[in-house]
Amino acid sequence: MTEGDIINNPRPARKRRMGCRPADIALEDIVRNSRVCVTGGAGFIGSHLCEVLTKHNEVVVLDNLSTGKQANLEGINVEFIEGSILDPKALEKAFEGVRYVFH
């Protein structure tokens, strides 16, 4: 192969589906007026997810604080449950009345 040679891609380009693109849909448009649970919600990503979800939902956070910090949730209206996803009792408490789980 020399400089300037054209390389044919053996895989054809994907056809784009008609309809909405992912960027056209906001999380707030899909999950509204629900009780939701965010596991690991005290972590960096989870706390930012909670911040968005609390605009239109009741949010429960289940986190064992092994890497997350409860301080990440300051100023965010959530119900915090300290516990592990490996603990059936903590899961039962966190999932009570929950419609969606973000894990």
N, C-alpha and C. Protein backbone atom coordinates (compact mmCIF):
# COMPACT_ATOMS: atom_id res chain seq x y z
N MET A 1 0.84 -1.16 0.00
CA MET A 1 0.00 0.00 0.00
C MET A 1 0.90 1.24 0.00
N THR A 2 0.56 2.19 -0.81
CA THR A 2 1.36 3.42 -0.88
C THR A 2 0.50 4.61 -0.48
N GLU A 3 1.16 5.71 -0.26
CA GLU A 3 0.45 6.92 0.16
C GLU A 3 -0.57 7.33 -0.91
N GLY A 4 -1.75 7.65 -0.49
CA GLY A 4 -2.79 8.07 -1.42
C GLY A 4 -3.71 6.95 -1.87
N ASP A 5 -3.37 5.68 -1.53
CA ASP A 5 -4.25 4.56 -1.88
C ASP A 5 -5.57 4.69 -1.14
N ILE A 6 -6.66 4.32 -1.78
CA ILE A 6 -7.97 4.34 -1.16
C ILE A 6 -8.23 2.96 -0.57
N ILE A 7 -8.63 2.95 0.68
CA ILE A 7 -8.91 1.70 1.37
C ILE A 7 -10.42 1.50 1.38
N ASN A 8 -10.87 0.39 0.86
CA ASN A 8 -12.30 0.08 0.88
C ASN A 8 -12.65 -0.55 2.21
N ASN A 9 -13.64 0.02 2.87
CA ASN A 9 -14.10 -0.50 4.14
C ASN A 9 -14.98 -1.72 3.87
N PRO A 10 -14.63 -2.91 4.38
CA PRO A 10 -15.43 -4.09 4.12
C PRO A 10 -16.80 -4.06 4.80
N ARG A 11 -16.96 -3.22 5.84
CA ARG A 11 -18.25 -3.13 6.52
C ARG A 11 -19.04 -1.96 5.96
N PRO A 12 -20.24 -2.22 5.50
CA PRO A 12 -21.06 -1.12 5.00
C PRO A 12 -21.49 -0.20 6.13
N ALA A 13 -21.75 1.05 5.78
CA ALA A 13 -22.20 2.02 6.78
C ALA A 13 -23.57 1.60 7.31
N ARG A 14 -23.81 1.85 8.59
CA ARG A 14 -25.11 1.53 9.19
C ARG A 14 -26.16 2.49 8.69
N LYS A 15 -27.32 1.96 8.45
CA LYS A 15 -28.44 2.82 8.07
C LYS A 15 -29.01 3.44 9.32
N ARG A 16 -29.34 4.69 9.24
CA ARG A 16 -29.93 5.41 10.36
C ARG A 16 -31.41 5.14 10.43
N ARG A 17 -31.91 4.82 11.59
CA ARG A 17 -33.34 4.59 11.77
C ARG A 17 -34.08 5.91 11.73
N MET A 18 -35.26 5.87 11.21
CA MET A 18 -36.10 7.06 11.21
C MET A 18 -36.65 7.26 12.62
N GLY A 19 -37.00 8.45 12.93
CA GLY A 19 -37.58 8.72 14.25
C GLY A 19 -36.64 9.57 15.08
N CYS A 20 -36.77 9.44 16.38
CA CYS A 20 -36.01 10.31 17.26
C CYS A 20 -34.60 9.77 17.47
N ARG A 21 -33.69 10.70 17.62
CA ARG A 21 -32.31 10.35 17.94
C ARG A 21 -32.15 10.45 19.45
N PRO A 22 -31.21 9.73 20.03
CA PRO A 22 -31.04 9.78 21.49
C PRO A 22 -30.89 11.19 22.04
N ALA A 23 -30.25 12.07 21.30
CA ALA A 23 -30.05 13.44 21.80
C ALA A 23 -31.36 14.22 21.85
N ASP A 24 -32.38 13.74 21.15
CA ASP A 24 -33.66 14.43 21.12
C ASP A 24 -34.53 14.13 22.35
N ILE A 25 -34.13 13.16 23.15
CA ILE A 25 -34.93 12.74 24.29
C ILE A 25 -34.16 13.02 25.58
N ALA A 26 -34.78 13.73 26.48
CA ALA A 26 -34.16 14.01 27.77
C ALA A 26 -34.70 13.01 28.79
N LEU A 27 -33.89 12.68 29.78
CA LEU A 27 -34.30 11.76 30.83
C LEU A 27 -35.58 12.23 31.51
N GLU A 28 -35.68 13.55 31.69
CA GLU A 28 -36.87 14.10 32.35
C GLU A 28 -38.15 13.84 31.56
N ASP A 29 -38.02 13.63 30.25
CA ASP A 29 -39.20 13.36 29.42
C ASP A 29 -39.66 11.92 29.53
N ILE A 30 -38.78 11.04 29.97
CA ILE A 30 -39.11 9.62 30.06
C ILE A 30 -39.55 9.24 31.47
N VAL A 31 -38.81 9.69 32.47
CA VAL A 31 -39.07 9.33 33.86
C VAL A 31 -39.62 10.56 34.58
N ARG A 32 -40.93 10.54 34.84
CA ARG A 32 -41.59 11.67 35.50
C ARG A 32 -42.59 11.16 36.52
N ASN A 33 -42.72 11.92 37.59
CA ASN A 33 -43.74 11.64 38.61
C ASN A 33 -43.69 10.19 39.11
N SER A 34 -42.50 9.70 39.34
CA SER A 34 -42.32 8.32 39.80
C SER A 34 -41.40 8.30 41.01
N ARG A 35 -41.47 7.20 41.71
CA ARG A 35 -40.51 6.93 42.78
C ARG A 35 -39.41 6.09 42.15
N VAL A 36 -38.17 6.55 42.21
CA VAL A 36 -37.06 5.86 41.57
C VAL A 36 -35.95 5.61 42.58
N CYS A 37 -35.15 4.59 42.32
CA CYS A 37 -34.01 4.27 43.19
C CYS A 37 -32.73 4.35 42.37
N VAL A 38 -31.72 4.99 42.95
CA VAL A 38 -30.40 5.05 42.32
C VAL A 38 -29.43 4.33 43.23
N THR A 39 -28.91 3.18 42.77
CA THR A 39 -27.90 2.48 43.55
C THR A 39 -26.56 3.18 43.28
N GLY A 40 -25.78 3.34 44.31
CA GLY A 40 -24.52 4.06 44.16
C GLY A 40 -24.75 5.55 43.96
N GLY A 41 -25.86 6.05 44.45
CA GLY A 41 -26.24 7.43 44.23
C GLY A 41 -25.37 8.46 44.93
N ALA A 42 -24.52 8.04 45.84
CA ALA A 42 -23.64 8.99 46.53
C ALA A 42 -22.30 9.15 45.83
N GLY A 43 -22.12 8.43 44.74
CA GLY A 43 -20.90 8.57 43.94
C GLY A 43 -20.99 9.77 43.02
N PHE A 44 -19.94 10.01 42.27
CA PHE A 44 -19.89 11.18 41.38
C PHE A 44 -20.99 11.13 40.33
N ILE A 45 -21.07 10.06 39.58
CA ILE A 45 -22.08 9.95 38.52
C ILE A 45 -23.47 9.82 39.12
N GLY A 46 -23.61 8.97 40.12
CA GLY A 46 -24.92 8.75 40.73
C GLY A 46 -25.51 10.01 41.32
N SER A 47 -24.70 10.83 41.96
CA SER A 47 -25.22 12.06 42.56
C SER A 47 -25.68 13.05 41.49
N HIS A 48 -24.99 13.09 40.37
CA HIS A 48 -25.43 13.96 39.27
C HIS A 48 -26.72 13.43 38.64
N LEU A 49 -26.85 12.11 38.57
CA LEU A 49 -28.09 11.52 38.09
C LEU A 49 -29.24 11.87 39.04
N CYS A 50 -28.99 11.79 40.33
CA CYS A 50 -30.01 12.14 41.33
C CYS A 50 -30.45 13.59 41.17
N GLU A 51 -29.50 14.46 40.91
CA GLU A 51 -29.79 15.88 40.75
C GLU A 51 -30.80 16.09 39.61
N VAL A 52 -30.63 15.37 38.52
CA VAL A 52 -31.56 15.48 37.38
C VAL A 52 -32.90 14.84 37.72
N LEU A 53 -32.86 13.65 38.32
CA LEU A 53 -34.09 12.91 38.60
C LEU A 53 -34.99 13.61 39.62
N THR A 54 -34.41 14.31 40.58
CA THR A 54 -35.23 14.93 41.63
C THR A 54 -36.07 16.10 41.11
N LYS A 55 -35.82 16.55 39.91
CA LYS A 55 -36.63 17.65 39.36
C LYS A 55 -38.09 17.24 39.18
N HIS A 56 -38.31 15.96 38.86
CA HIS A 56 -39.68 15.50 38.57
C HIS A 56 -40.03 14.17 39.23
N ASN A 57 -39.21 13.72 40.16
CA ASN A 57 -39.42 12.40 40.77
C ASN A 57 -39.06 12.41 42.24
N GLU A 58 -39.52 11.38 42.93
CA GLU A 58 -39.11 11.11 44.30
C GLU A 58 -37.96 10.11 44.19
N VAL A 59 -36.81 10.44 44.76
CA VAL A 59 -35.60 9.63 44.56
C VAL A 59 -35.14 9.01 45.87
N VAL A 60 -34.85 7.71 45.80
CA VAL A 60 -34.27 6.96 46.92
C VAL A 60 -32.86 6.56 46.49
N VAL A 61 -31.89 6.80 47.35
CA VAL A 61 -30.51 6.41 47.07
C VAL A 61 -30.12 5.27 47.99
N LEU A 62 -29.58 4.21 47.40
CA LEU A 62 -29.01 3.11 48.17
C LEU A 62 -27.52 3.09 47.89
N ASP A 63 -26.72 3.30 48.92
CA ASP A 63 -25.27 3.35 48.73
C ASP A 63 -24.60 2.88 50.01
N ASN A 64 -23.54 2.10 49.87
CA ASN A 64 -22.81 1.63 51.06
C ASN A 64 -21.64 2.54 51.41
N LEU A 65 -21.48 3.62 50.64
CA LEU A 65 -20.44 4.62 50.88
C LEU A 65 -19.03 4.05 50.83
N SER A 66 -18.84 2.95 50.10
CA SER A 66 -17.50 2.39 49.98
C SER A 66 -16.60 3.29 49.13
N THR A 67 -17.18 3.94 48.14
CA THR A 67 -16.42 4.90 47.34
C THR A 67 -17.15 6.25 47.25
N GLY A 68 -18.45 6.24 47.41
CA GLY A 68 -19.22 7.49 47.35
C GLY A 68 -19.17 8.23 48.66
N LYS A 69 -19.67 9.46 48.64
CA LYS A 69 -19.69 10.29 49.84
C LYS A 69 -21.08 10.90 49.98
N GLN A 70 -21.61 10.84 51.16
CA GLN A 70 -22.93 11.41 51.41
C GLN A 70 -22.92 12.92 51.14
N ALA A 71 -21.76 13.54 51.25
CA ALA A 71 -21.63 14.97 50.98
C ALA A 71 -21.97 15.30 49.52
N ASN A 72 -21.82 14.31 48.61
CA ASN A 72 -22.17 14.52 47.20
C ASN A 72 -23.66 14.77 47.01
N LEU A 73 -24.46 14.40 48.01
CA LEU A 73 -25.91 14.55 47.92
C LEU A 73 -26.43 15.78 48.65
N GLU A 74 -25.54 16.57 49.22
CA GLU A 74 -25.97 17.77 49.94
C GLU A 74 -26.71 18.70 49.00
N GLY A 75 -27.87 19.17 49.45
CA GLY A 75 -28.67 20.08 48.64
C GLY A 75 -29.55 19.39 47.61
N ILE A 76 -29.49 18.06 47.57
CA ILE A 76 -30.32 17.28 46.64
C ILE A 76 -31.36 16.55 47.48
N ASN A 77 -32.62 16.71 47.14
CA ASN A 77 -33.71 16.14 47.93
C ASN A 77 -33.89 14.65 47.62
N VAL A 78 -33.20 13.80 48.39
CA VAL A 78 -33.31 12.35 48.22
C VAL A 78 -33.53 11.68 49.57
N GLU A 79 -34.09 10.49 49.52
CA GLU A 79 -34.15 9.63 50.71
C GLU A 79 -32.91 8.76 50.65
N PHE A 80 -32.04 8.88 51.64
CA PHE A 80 -30.78 8.13 51.62
C PHE A 80 -30.86 6.90 52.50
N ILE A 81 -30.47 5.76 51.94
CA ILE A 81 -30.40 4.51 52.70
C ILE A 81 -28.98 3.99 52.58
N GLU A 82 -28.30 3.90 53.72
CA GLU A 82 -26.94 3.35 53.69
C GLU A 82 -27.04 1.84 53.75
N GLY A 83 -26.58 1.20 52.70
CA GLY A 83 -26.64 -0.25 52.63
C GLY A 83 -26.08 -0.74 51.33
N SER A 84 -25.92 -2.05 51.25
CA SER A 84 -25.33 -2.69 50.08
C SER A 84 -26.40 -3.31 49.19
N ILE A 85 -26.12 -3.36 47.90
CA ILE A 85 -27.02 -4.05 46.98
C ILE A 85 -26.99 -5.56 47.22
N LEU A 86 -26.05 -6.02 48.01
CA LEU A 86 -25.95 -7.44 48.34
C LEU A 86 -26.80 -7.81 49.55
N ASP A 87 -27.38 -6.81 50.21
CA ASP A 87 -28.19 -7.02 51.40
C ASP A 87 -29.68 -7.01 51.01
N PRO A 88 -30.33 -8.18 51.05
CA PRO A 88 -31.73 -8.26 50.64
C PRO A 88 -32.66 -7.32 51.42
N LYS A 89 -32.39 -7.12 52.72
CA LYS A 89 -33.25 -6.23 53.52
C LYS A 89 -33.09 -4.77 53.07
N ALA A 90 -31.88 -4.37 52.76
CA ALA A 90 -31.64 -3.00 52.28
C ALA A 90 -32.31 -2.80 50.93
N LEU A 91 -32.22 -3.81 50.06
CA LEU A 91 -32.88 -3.73 48.75
C LEU A 91 -34.38 -3.62 48.89
N GLU A 92 -34.94 -4.43 49.78
CA GLU A 92 -36.39 -4.42 50.00
C GLU A 92 -36.85 -3.04 50.46
N LYS A 93 -36.10 -2.44 51.37
CA LYS A 93 -36.44 -1.12 51.87
C LYS A 93 -36.29 -0.06 50.77
N ALA A 94 -35.21 -0.13 50.01
CA ALA A 94 -34.94 0.86 48.97
C ALA A 94 -35.92 0.76 47.80
N PHE A 95 -36.36 -0.45 47.49
CA PHE A 95 -37.21 -0.66 46.33
C PHE A 95 -38.70 -0.55 46.62
N GLU A 96 -39.06 -0.29 47.87
CA GLU A 96 -40.47 -0.19 48.24
C GLU A 96 -41.16 0.93 47.46
N GLY A 97 -42.13 0.57 46.65
CA GLY A 97 -42.89 1.54 45.87
C GLY A 97 -42.16 2.13 44.68
N VAL A 98 -40.99 1.59 44.36
CA VAL A 98 -40.15 2.13 43.28
C VAL A 98 -40.61 1.60 41.92
N ARG A 99 -40.63 2.50 40.95
CA ARG A 99 -41.00 2.10 39.59
C ARG A 99 -39.78 1.86 38.70
N TYR A 100 -38.72 2.64 38.90
CA TYR A 100 -37.50 2.51 38.11
C TYR A 100 -36.29 2.39 39.02
N VAL A 101 -35.32 1.58 38.60
CA VAL A 101 -34.06 1.46 39.33
C VAL A 101 -32.93 1.79 38.37
N PHE A 102 -32.06 2.70 38.81
CA PHE A 102 -30.87 3.06 38.05
C PHE A 102 -29.69 2.43 38.77
N HIS A 103 -29.05 1.48 38.12
CA HIS A 103 -27.97 0.72 38.76
C HIS A 103 -26.68 0.89 37.96
